[in-house]
Amino acid sequence: MKNFLMLVFTAVYFVIFFFVVDRLFTLLPLNGLVNILALVCLFIAFLASVGLAQFTVHKIKEWNGK
């Protein structure tokens, strides 16, 4: 159950971050540097979404344990 929750929360957080990064980079002109920067930001967003998912699952387990 924990792995499933981690997967779901990671996907949800990543989709939210993806839309934010997409909105930010659609305003900039298209060139190679902007594309590389967008990919770096998406990688950072993925790492952040995994961390947020771990934190959320931990808090859910903590809340259910009390």
C-alpha atoms as a PDB file:
ATOM      1  CA  MET A   1       0.000   0.000   0.000  1.00  0.00           C
ATOM      2  CA  LYS A   2       2.863   2.378   0.813  1.00  0.00           C
ATOM      3  CA  ASN A   3       4.448   1.956  -2.635  1.00  0.00           C
ATOM      4  CA  PHE A   4       1.119   2.564  -4.353  1.00  0.00           C
ATOM      5  CA  LEU A   5       0.564   5.753  -2.363  1.00  0.00           C
ATOM      6  CA  MET A   6       4.099   6.887  -3.166  1.00  0.00           C
ATOM      7  CA  LEU A   7       3.475   6.318  -6.867  1.00  0.00           C
ATOM      8  CA  VAL A   8       0.153   8.165  -6.838  1.00  0.00           C
ATOM      9  CA  PHE A   9       1.418  11.158  -4.873  1.00  0.00           C
ATOM     10  CA  THR A  10       4.587  11.377  -6.973  1.00  0.00           C
ATOM     11  CA  ALA A  11       2.505  11.443 -10.150  1.00  0.00           C
ATOM     12  CA  VAL A  12       0.127  14.078  -8.785  1.00  0.00           C
ATOM     13  CA  TYR A  13       2.910  16.350  -7.551  1.00  0.00           C
ATOM     14  CA  PHE A  14       4.877  15.926 -10.783  1.00  0.00           C
ATOM     15  CA  VAL A  15       1.869  16.850 -12.916  1.00  0.00           C
ATOM     16  CA  ILE A  16       1.396  20.006 -10.852  1.00  0.00           C
ATOM     17  CA  PHE A  17       5.075  20.906 -11.176  1.00  0.00           C
ATOM     18  CA  PHE A  18       5.001  20.072 -14.885  1.00  0.00           C
ATOM     19  CA  PHE A  19       2.209  22.565 -15.532  1.00  0.00           C
ATOM     20  CA  VAL A  20       4.054  25.258 -13.574  1.00  0.00           C
ATOM     21  CA  VAL A  21       7.315  24.677 -15.459  1.00  0.00           C
ATOM     22  CA  ASP A  22       5.454  24.531 -18.769  1.00  0.00           C
ATOM     23  CA  ARG A  23       3.732  27.851 -18.078  1.00  0.00           C
ATOM     24  CA  LEU A  24       7.027  29.488 -17.146  1.00  0.00           C
ATOM     25  CA  PHE A  25       8.900  28.295 -20.220  1.00  0.00           C
ATOM     26  CA  THR A  26       6.195  28.971 -22.804  1.00  0.00           C
ATOM     27  CA  LEU A  27       6.794  32.671 -22.274  1.00  0.00           C
ATOM     28  CA  LEU A  28      10.456  32.410 -23.295  1.00  0.00           C
ATOM     29  CA  PRO A  29      11.685  32.191 -26.887  1.00  0.00           C
ATOM     30  CA  LEU A  30      12.563  28.755 -28.192  1.00  0.00           C
ATOM     31  CA  ASN A  31      16.260  27.997 -28.347  1.00  0.00           C
ATOM     32  CA  GLY A  32      18.583  25.261 -27.163  1.00  0.00           C
ATOM     33  CA  LEU A  33      19.453  26.826 -23.831  1.00  0.00           C
ATOM     34  CA  VAL A  34      15.815  27.273 -22.859  1.00  0.00           C
ATOM     35  CA  ASN A  35      15.071  23.648 -23.750  1.00  0.00           C
ATOM     36  CA  ILE A  36      17.980  22.384 -21.650  1.00  0.00           C
ATOM     37  CA  LEU A  37      16.946  24.606 -18.757  1.00  0.00           C
ATOM     38  CA  ALA A  38      13.383  23.286 -19.004  1.00  0.00           C
ATOM     39  CA  LEU A  39      14.644  19.697 -18.846  1.00  0.00           C
ATOM     40  CA  VAL A  40      16.782  20.514 -15.805  1.00  0.00           C
ATOM     41  CA  CYS A  41      13.777  22.119 -14.121  1.00  0.00           C
ATOM     42  CA  LEU A  42      11.638  19.063 -14.890  1.00  0.00           C
ATOM     43  CA  PHE A  43      14.294  16.789 -13.371  1.00  0.00           C
ATOM     44  CA  ILE A  44      14.368  18.956 -10.246  1.00  0.00           C
ATOM     45  CA  ALA A  45      10.568  18.898 -10.194  1.00  0.00           C
ATOM     46  CA  PHE A  46      10.632  15.105 -10.332  1.00  0.00           C
ATOM     47  CA  LEU A  47      13.037  14.933  -7.407  1.00  0.00           C
ATOM     48  CA  ALA A  48      10.902  17.387  -5.447  1.00  0.00           C
ATOM     49  CA  SER A  49       7.735  15.423  -6.210  1.00  0.00           C
ATOM     50  CA  VAL A  50       9.346  12.207  -4.935  1.00  0.00           C
ATOM     51  CA  GLY A  51      10.388  13.992  -1.744  1.00  0.00           C
ATOM     52  CA  LEU A  52       6.943  15.495  -1.253  1.00  0.00           C
ATOM     53  CA  ALA A  53       5.334  12.115  -1.847  1.00  0.00           C
ATOM     54  CA  GLN A  54       7.556  10.509   0.800  1.00  0.00           C
ATOM     55  CA  PHE A  55       6.694  13.275   3.245  1.00  0.00           C
ATOM     56  CA  THR A  56       2.969  12.969   2.503  1.00  0.00           C
ATOM     57  CA  VAL A  57       2.947   9.178   2.945  1.00  0.00           C
ATOM     58  CA  HIS A  58       4.913   9.534   6.177  1.00  0.00           C
ATOM     59  CA  LYS A  59       2.410  12.076   7.521  1.00  0.00           C
ATOM     60  CA  ILE A  60      -0.536   9.884   6.506  1.00  0.00           C
ATOM     61  CA  LYS A  61       0.980   6.904   8.308  1.00  0.00           C
ATOM     62  CA  GLU A  62       1.717   9.098  11.342  1.00  0.00           C
ATOM     63  CA  TRP A  63      -1.832  10.484  11.340  1.00  0.00           C
ATOM     64  CA  ASN A  64      -3.359   6.998  11.067  1.00  0.00           C
ATOM     65  CA  GLY A  65      -1.124   5.687  13.847  1.00  0.00           C
ATOM     66  CA  LYS A  66      -2.432   8.164  16.413  1.00  0.00           C
END
